[in-house]
Amino acid sequence: MNKKIILAASAVSFMMLAPFKGFAADSLNVISFGGAYGAAQKEHMLDPYTKKTGNKILFEDYSGGIAEIKAQVTANNIQWDVVDIEVIDLERACSEGLLEVIPRDILAAGDDGTPAKDDFIESALANECGVGNIVWTIVYAYNEKTVGSNLPATMADFFDTKKIPGKRAMRKRPQVNLEWALIADGVARADVYKVLATDEGLARAFAKLDTIKGDIVWFDSWSQVPQLLNDGGAVLAQSANGRIFDAIKKENKPFKMIWDAHVYDLDVWAVVKGSKKKELAFDFISFATGTKPLSGMPDVAYGPTRKSSMKLVDPKVIPDLPTSHLEKGVKADGIFWADYGETLGEKFNEWLLK
């Protein structure tokens, strides 16, 4: 093959590759939890961002935790760019170097002109690897048509299969389950993490879980919960509050939430360490955590993390937000789970196999 033909072939190859390369540079892989929550993010954050910038977003679901992020970073095979992560997992992920540090100067001021540092609630910017997205909580819920005559009201009721017979649906991880077990066993909400940090407290939590172990239906994704309640797969079900709210409001499901000892936390947007789209990821996060995008999160009863966003929230929704029930709840301790998460995860898996 002569030199001219080689050059021509190279030029054609370059032109064929150039559009794909350009598209890749303006595309982003964003990972979240799907369901009603993901739909709200798509409506209020992703679609408006694409419309404004022209950047394409591939939006996928996962079930939480840091295992998949860690696998990608360890293998130096980064598939995800932006991830919605629970703060209960954020501390550990950040301390292990799995996430990028997000500069605070990328964040936009509120629509009312308030600087970002003053507009966000304090906990939304507490960790350098994340920017707060929502305040949410884990409650338990029941179906009025299947629960029977004795209605639950407390965390102790969740563990009382004599008072309320039937299956309990729980997320298959130690977080929240161990806290709930101790509270149901009489530990004060303010003392939960202090007790859980001891060998005796951990044994006490597992002993309480033992009392309902045969009645637990385990699930991995919050999206499974409404179906479990709807078809009778569980009488009482642990859930992110937004999933139940959405089923009640949009599908008229006869579900009721119990706020006693709910464990509330934040979700944040984070960037996977080593993402080749880091600057684009920061740009997306700046947009997605603006006043207007965050004001759409109460669509699924999750509280926005900006004060300026609350001015745009329908007052009728406010009683259904976790922030309206904090006096009954427990703040998830991300530092505790960063310190003890790996060990307790192993112990929890061992307990499951017994």
Protein backbone atom coordinates (compact mmCIF):
# COMPACT_ATOMS: atom_id res chain seq x y z
CA MET A 1 0.00 0.00 0.00
CA ASN A 2 1.52 3.36 -1.00
CA LYS A 3 2.01 6.32 1.32
CA LYS A 4 -0.91 8.34 -0.10
CA ILE A 5 -3.35 5.49 0.48
CA ILE A 6 -2.11 5.04 4.04
CA LEU A 7 -2.59 8.75 4.76
CA ALA A 8 -6.06 8.73 3.23
CA ALA A 9 -7.07 5.69 5.24
CA SER A 10 -5.77 7.35 8.42
CA ALA A 11 -7.77 10.49 7.67
CA VAL A 12 -10.97 8.48 7.15
CA SER A 13 -10.33 6.58 10.40
CA PHE A 14 -9.81 9.84 12.26
CA MET A 15 -13.02 11.34 10.89
CA MET A 16 -14.97 8.22 11.84
CA LEU A 17 -13.61 8.30 15.37
CA ALA A 18 -13.87 12.04 15.93
CA PRO A 19 -17.68 12.24 16.39
CA PHE A 20 -17.62 9.35 18.86
CA LYS A 21 -14.79 10.95 20.78
CA GLY A 22 -16.64 14.25 20.88
CA PHE A 23 -19.79 12.56 22.13
CA ALA A 24 -17.85 10.74 24.83
CA ALA A 25 -16.35 14.02 26.04
CA ASP A 26 -19.83 15.48 26.46
CA SER A 27 -21.49 12.48 28.08
CA LEU A 28 -21.72 11.47 31.70
CA ASN A 29 -22.57 8.27 33.57
CA VAL A 30 -24.77 9.15 36.53
CA ILE A 31 -25.80 6.48 39.04
CA SER A 32 -28.66 6.66 41.55
CA PHE A 33 -31.37 4.57 43.19
CA GLY A 34 -34.06 4.47 40.51
CA GLY A 35 -37.77 4.27 41.21
CA ALA A 36 -39.77 7.38 42.05
CA TYR A 37 -36.62 9.06 43.38
CA GLY A 38 -34.70 8.51 40.17
CA ALA A 39 -37.69 9.72 38.16
CA ALA A 40 -37.75 12.95 40.19
CA GLN A 41 -34.02 13.44 39.66
CA LYS A 42 -34.43 12.87 35.94
CA GLU A 43 -37.29 15.37 35.72
CA HIS A 44 -35.76 18.13 37.85
CA MET A 45 -32.00 17.63 37.40
CA LEU A 46 -30.88 15.44 34.50
CA ASP A 47 -33.29 16.47 31.75
CA PRO A 48 -32.96 20.21 32.48
CA TYR A 49 -29.18 19.86 32.56
CA THR A 50 -29.13 18.13 29.18
CA LYS A 51 -31.50 20.74 27.75
CA LYS A 52 -29.31 23.57 29.01
CA THR A 53 -25.90 22.18 28.08
CA GLY A 54 -26.49 19.58 25.39
CA ASN A 55 -24.46 17.09 27.41
CA LYS A 56 -25.81 13.56 27.32
CA ILE A 57 -26.39 11.57 30.50
CA LEU A 58 -26.55 7.80 30.85
CA PHE A 59 -28.64 7.26 33.98
CA GLU A 60 -28.42 3.88 35.74
CA ASP A 61 -29.58 2.35 39.03
CA TYR A 62 -27.71 0.61 41.82
CA SER A 63 -28.64 -0.63 45.29
CA GLY A 64 -26.23 1.50 47.32
CA GLY A 65 -23.11 0.76 49.32
CA ILE A 66 -19.52 1.22 48.17
CA ALA A 67 -18.60 -2.24 46.87
CA GLU A 68 -19.08 -1.43 43.18
CA ILE A 69 -17.28 1.90 43.49
CA LYS A 70 -14.37 0.24 45.28
CA ALA A 71 -14.13 -2.49 42.64
CA GLN A 72 -13.90 0.08 39.84
CA VAL A 73 -11.29 2.22 41.58
CA THR A 74 -9.21 -0.78 42.67
CA ALA A 75 -9.19 -2.18 39.13
CA ASN A 76 -8.58 1.28 37.65
CA ASN A 77 -11.59 0.62 35.43
CA ILE A 78 -13.87 3.58 36.11
CA GLN A 79 -17.33 3.11 34.59
CA TRP A 80 -19.27 5.58 36.73
CA ASP A 81 -18.76 9.33 36.97
CA VAL A 82 -21.35 10.80 39.34
CA VAL A 83 -22.94 8.69 42.08
CA ASP A 84 -25.78 9.43 44.47
CA ILE A 85 -24.46 7.96 47.73
CA GLU A 86 -25.89 7.80 51.23
CA VAL A 87 -23.89 9.74 53.82
CA ILE A 88 -23.87 6.61 55.95
CA ASP A 89 -21.54 5.20 53.25
CA LEU A 90 -19.89 8.47 52.21
CA GLU A 91 -17.51 8.80 55.15
CA ARG A 92 -15.95 5.42 54.48
CA ALA A 93 -15.81 5.87 50.71
CA CYS A 94 -14.10 9.24 51.06
CA SER A 95 -11.63 8.09 53.72
CA GLU A 96 -10.65 5.11 51.54
CA GLY A 97 -9.88 7.40 48.62
CA LEU A 98 -12.70 6.17 46.39
CA LEU A 99 -14.14 9.62 45.67
CA GLU A 100 -12.87 12.93 44.36
CA VAL A 101 -12.76 16.02 46.57
CA ILE A 102 -15.38 18.46 45.29
CA PRO A 103 -14.24 22.11 45.39
CA ARG A 104 -16.84 24.27 47.10
CA ASP A 105 -16.26 27.15 44.71
CA ILE A 106 -18.03 25.21 41.94
CA LEU A 107 -21.36 25.59 43.75
CA ALA A 108 -23.79 28.21 42.54
CA ALA A 109 -25.34 30.81 44.79
CA GLY A 110 -29.00 30.40 45.60
CA ASP A 111 -31.56 31.92 43.26
CA ASP A 112 -32.10 34.60 45.88
CA GLY A 113 -28.38 35.48 45.81
CA THR A 114 -27.42 33.69 49.02
CA PRO A 115 -23.86 32.29 48.78
CA ALA A 116 -23.81 28.49 48.58
CA LYS A 117 -21.98 28.11 51.89
CA ASP A 118 -24.82 29.93 53.64
CA ASP A 119 -27.67 28.48 51.57
CA PHE A 120 -26.95 24.78 52.14
CA ILE A 121 -27.85 23.23 55.47
CA GLU A 122 -24.63 22.58 57.40
CA SER A 123 -24.57 18.79 57.06
CA ALA A 124 -24.92 19.03 53.27
CA LEU A 125 -21.32 20.24 52.94
CA ALA A 126 -19.83 18.45 55.94
CA ASN A 127 -17.77 15.99 53.89
CA GLU A 128 -15.38 17.24 51.22
CA CYS A 129 -16.29 14.40 48.85
CA GLY A 130 -20.01 15.12 48.60
CA VAL A 131 -22.62 17.81 48.07
CA GLY A 132 -25.94 17.25 49.79
CA ASN A 133 -28.85 16.40 47.56
CA ILE A 134 -31.72 15.39 49.88
CA VAL A 135 -32.67 14.77 53.48
CA TRP A 136 -34.39 11.40 53.59
CA THR A 137 -35.18 8.72 56.09
CA ILE A 138 -35.88 5.04 56.59
CA VAL A 139 -39.26 4.29 58.12
CA TYR A 140 -41.40 1.21 58.19
CA ALA A 141 -44.82 0.99 56.62
CA TYR A 142 -47.84 -1.26 56.48
CA ASN A 143 -50.78 -1.97 54.19
CA GLU A 144 -54.10 -1.15 55.85
CA LYS A 145 -55.75 -4.05 54.02
CA THR A 146 -53.32 -6.74 55.21
CA VAL A 147 -52.05 -5.63 58.61
CA GLY A 148 -54.97 -6.91 60.69
CA SER A 149 -56.74 -5.33 63.64
CA ASN A 150 -53.66 -4.45 65.72
CA LEU A 151 -52.01 -1.41 64.18
CA PRO A 152 -48.28 -0.81 64.74
CA ALA A 153 -47.09 2.46 66.23
CA THR A 154 -43.58 1.90 67.61
CA MET A 155 -40.31 0.22 66.70
CA ALA A 156 -41.04 -2.40 69.33
CA ASP A 157 -44.14 -3.33 67.32
CA PHE A 158 -41.99 -4.05 64.27
CA PHE A 159 -40.27 -6.79 66.27
CA ASP A 160 -43.44 -8.09 67.95
CA THR A 161 -44.71 -10.95 65.79
CA LYS A 162 -47.25 -11.99 68.41
CA LYS A 163 -49.00 -8.63 68.36
CA ILE A 164 -48.66 -8.29 64.59
CA PRO A 165 -48.08 -11.65 62.88
CA GLY A 166 -46.52 -11.83 59.45
CA LYS A 167 -43.37 -11.25 57.45
CA ARG A 168 -41.10 -8.23 57.88
CA ALA A 169 -39.28 -6.88 54.83
CA MET A 170 -35.81 -5.49 55.55
CA ARG A 171 -32.93 -4.24 53.44
CA LYS A 172 -30.11 -6.77 53.39
CA ARG A 173 -27.39 -4.81 55.14
CA PRO A 174 -26.45 -4.09 58.77
CA GLN A 175 -27.05 -0.34 58.65
CA VAL A 176 -30.35 0.68 60.27
CA ASN A 177 -31.27 -2.93 61.10
CA LEU A 178 -28.83 -2.99 64.03
CA GLU A 179 -29.95 0.44 65.22
CA TRP A 180 -33.61 -0.58 65.05
CA ALA A 181 -32.93 -3.81 66.95
CA LEU A 182 -31.36 -1.95 69.86
CA ILE A 183 -34.15 0.65 69.98
CA ALA A 184 -36.76 -2.11 69.95
CA ASP A 185 -34.86 -3.74 72.81
CA GLY A 186 -35.13 -0.60 74.93
CA VAL A 187 -31.97 1.38 74.15
CA ALA A 188 -32.57 5.14 74.09
CA ARG A 189 -32.24 6.69 70.64
CA ALA A 190 -29.48 9.01 71.86
CA ASP A 191 -27.40 6.04 73.09
CA VAL A 192 -27.72 3.72 70.09
CA TYR A 193 -24.27 4.20 68.58
CA LYS A 194 -22.51 4.22 71.94
CA VAL A 195 -24.10 0.85 72.76
CA LEU A 196 -23.58 -0.58 69.27
CA ALA A 197 -19.85 0.18 69.51
CA THR A 198 -19.51 -2.40 72.31
CA ASP A 199 -19.35 -6.19 71.97
CA GLU A 200 -22.24 -6.49 74.40
CA GLY A 201 -24.35 -4.03 72.45
CA LEU A 202 -23.69 -5.78 69.15
CA ALA A 203 -24.61 -9.14 70.68
CA ARG A 204 -27.79 -7.55 72.02
CA ALA A 205 -28.71 -6.23 68.57
CA PHE A 206 -28.22 -9.61 66.91
CA ALA A 207 -30.16 -11.32 69.67
CA LYS A 208 -33.10 -9.01 69.00
CA LEU A 209 -32.86 -9.66 65.25
CA ASP A 210 -32.88 -13.38 66.06
CA THR A 211 -36.40 -13.00 67.44
CA ILE A 212 -37.74 -12.20 63.95
CA LYS A 213 -35.11 -13.84 61.76
CA GLY A 214 -37.51 -16.53 60.54
CA ASP A 215 -40.04 -13.86 59.54
CA ILE A 216 -37.71 -11.57 57.58
CA VAL A 217 -37.97 -11.15 53.83
CA TRP A 218 -34.71 -9.63 52.63
CA PHE A 219 -34.51 -7.21 49.72
CA ASP A 220 -31.71 -5.30 48.00
CA SER A 221 -33.47 -2.37 46.37
CA TRP A 222 -35.96 0.14 47.77
CA SER A 223 -37.97 -0.28 44.58
CA GLN A 224 -39.04 -3.73 45.78
CA VAL A 225 -40.82 -2.45 48.88
CA PRO A 226 -44.15 -1.18 47.47
CA GLN A 227 -44.68 -4.50 45.68
CA LEU A 228 -43.93 -6.49 48.83
CA LEU A 229 -46.55 -4.50 50.74
CA ASN A 230 -49.02 -4.56 47.88
CA ASP A 231 -48.99 -8.31 47.22
CA GLY A 232 -48.79 -9.39 50.84
CA GLY A 233 -45.17 -10.52 50.67
CA ALA A 234 -44.64 -8.60 53.91
CA VAL A 235 -46.98 -7.16 56.53
CA LEU A 236 -44.46 -4.57 57.73
CA ALA A 237 -41.72 -3.24 55.48
CA GLN A 238 -38.67 -1.09 55.99
CA SER A 239 -38.52 1.63 53.35
CA ALA A 240 -37.09 4.90 52.22
CA ASN A 241 -39.94 7.27 53.02
CA GLY A 242 -40.18 8.58 49.47
CA ARG A 243 -41.09 5.17 48.08
CA ILE A 244 -44.13 4.90 50.34
CA PHE A 245 -45.13 8.52 49.81
CA ASP A 246 -45.04 8.04 46.05
CA ALA A 247 -47.16 4.88 46.21
CA ILE A 248 -49.73 6.64 48.39
CA LYS A 249 -49.92 9.86 46.40
CA LYS A 250 -49.60 8.57 42.85
CA GLU A 251 -51.09 5.07 43.06
CA ASN A 252 -53.55 5.54 45.94
CA LYS A 253 -52.06 2.60 47.82
CA PRO A 254 -53.49 2.07 51.33
CA PHE A 255 -50.07 2.34 52.97
CA LYS A 256 -49.21 4.05 56.24
CA MET A 257 -45.78 5.16 57.47
CA ILE A 258 -44.54 4.82 61.05
CA TRP A 259 -42.13 7.59 62.01
CA ASP A 260 -41.08 6.21 65.39
CA ALA A 261 -37.28 5.72 65.46
CA HIS A 262 -36.88 6.49 61.77
CA VAL A 263 -33.20 6.77 60.83
CA TYR A 264 -32.66 9.88 58.77
CA ASP A 265 -29.70 10.89 56.70
CA LEU A 266 -28.64 12.78 53.61
CA ASP A 267 -27.82 11.61 50.13
CA VAL A 268 -25.09 13.46 48.29
CA TRP A 269 -23.77 13.67 44.78
CA ALA A 270 -20.19 12.39 44.62
CA VAL A 271 -17.63 11.80 41.87
CA VAL A 272 -15.83 8.47 41.54
CA LYS A 273 -12.07 8.79 41.97
CA GLY A 274 -10.30 8.68 38.63
CA SER A 275 -13.31 9.65 36.52
CA LYS A 276 -12.11 11.00 33.17
CA LYS A 277 -15.12 13.33 33.20
CA LYS A 278 -14.30 14.99 36.53
CA GLU A 279 -14.80 18.59 35.40
CA LEU A 280 -18.04 17.72 33.61
CA ALA A 281 -19.16 15.86 36.74
CA PHE A 282 -18.52 18.97 38.83
CA ASP A 283 -20.51 21.03 36.35
CA PHE A 284 -23.45 18.64 36.61
CA ILE A 285 -23.34 18.65 40.42
CA SER A 286 -23.28 22.44 40.48
CA PHE A 287 -26.41 22.51 38.34
CA ALA A 288 -28.21 19.63 40.08
CA THR A 289 -27.76 21.19 43.53
CA GLY A 290 -29.09 24.57 42.48
CA THR A 291 -32.17 26.11 44.08
CA LYS A 292 -34.71 25.08 41.46
CA PRO A 293 -33.54 21.48 40.80
CA LEU A 294 -33.46 20.72 44.54
CA SER A 295 -36.94 22.18 45.02
CA GLY A 296 -38.29 19.26 42.98
CA MET A 297 -37.18 16.60 45.47
CA PRO A 298 -40.25 17.03 47.71
CA ASP A 299 -42.18 15.48 44.80
CA VAL A 300 -41.17 12.24 46.49
CA ALA A 301 -41.15 13.64 50.05
CA TYR A 302 -37.39 14.16 50.34
CA GLY A 303 -36.30 17.45 51.80
CA PRO A 304 -34.04 19.75 49.74
CA THR A 305 -30.67 20.66 51.25
CA ARG A 306 -30.86 24.36 50.29
CA LYS A 307 -32.81 26.88 52.32
CA SER A 308 -33.70 28.83 49.18
CA SER A 309 -35.30 25.69 47.71
CA MET A 310 -37.79 25.45 50.58
CA LYS A 311 -39.37 28.71 49.44
CA LEU A 312 -40.49 26.89 46.29
CA VAL A 313 -41.91 23.82 48.04
CA ASP A 314 -45.68 23.25 48.19
CA PRO A 315 -46.70 23.79 51.85
CA LYS A 316 -49.02 20.77 51.62
CA VAL A 317 -46.00 18.47 51.25
CA ILE A 318 -44.05 19.77 54.25
CA PRO A 319 -45.77 17.48 56.84
CA ASP A 320 -44.59 14.46 54.82
CA LEU A 321 -40.93 15.52 54.78
CA PRO A 322 -38.48 13.81 57.17
CA THR A 323 -37.49 17.21 58.51
CA SER A 324 -40.98 17.51 59.99
CA HIS A 325 -40.40 14.44 62.19
CA LEU A 326 -36.82 14.78 63.40
CA GLU A 327 -37.86 14.69 67.06
CA LYS A 328 -38.89 11.04 66.59
CA GLY A 329 -35.83 10.04 64.63
CA VAL A 330 -32.18 9.05 64.86
CA LYS A 331 -29.50 10.76 62.76
CA ALA A 332 -27.50 8.09 60.95
CA ASP A 333 -23.89 8.26 62.14
CA GLY A 334 -21.67 8.15 59.07
CA ILE A 335 -18.46 8.34 61.12
CA PHE A 336 -19.55 5.31 63.16
CA TRP A 337 -20.21 3.33 60.00
CA ALA A 338 -16.92 4.47 58.47
CA ASP A 339 -15.12 3.11 61.53
CA TYR A 340 -17.13 -0.07 62.06
CA GLY A 341 -18.86 -0.70 58.74
CA GLU A 342 -16.50 -3.29 57.31
CA THR A 343 -16.36 -5.30 60.53
CA LEU A 344 -20.10 -5.15 61.14
CA GLY A 345 -20.76 -6.04 57.53
CA GLU A 346 -18.75 -9.23 57.97
CA LYS A 347 -20.50 -10.06 61.24
CA PHE A 348 -23.89 -9.39 59.67
CA ASN A 349 -23.13 -11.75 56.78
CA GLU A 350 -21.98 -14.39 59.25
CA TRP A 351 -25.24 -13.97 61.17
CA LEU A 352 -27.26 -14.38 57.98
CA LEU A 353 -25.63 -17.75 57.35
CA LYS A 354 -26.32 -19.15 60.84
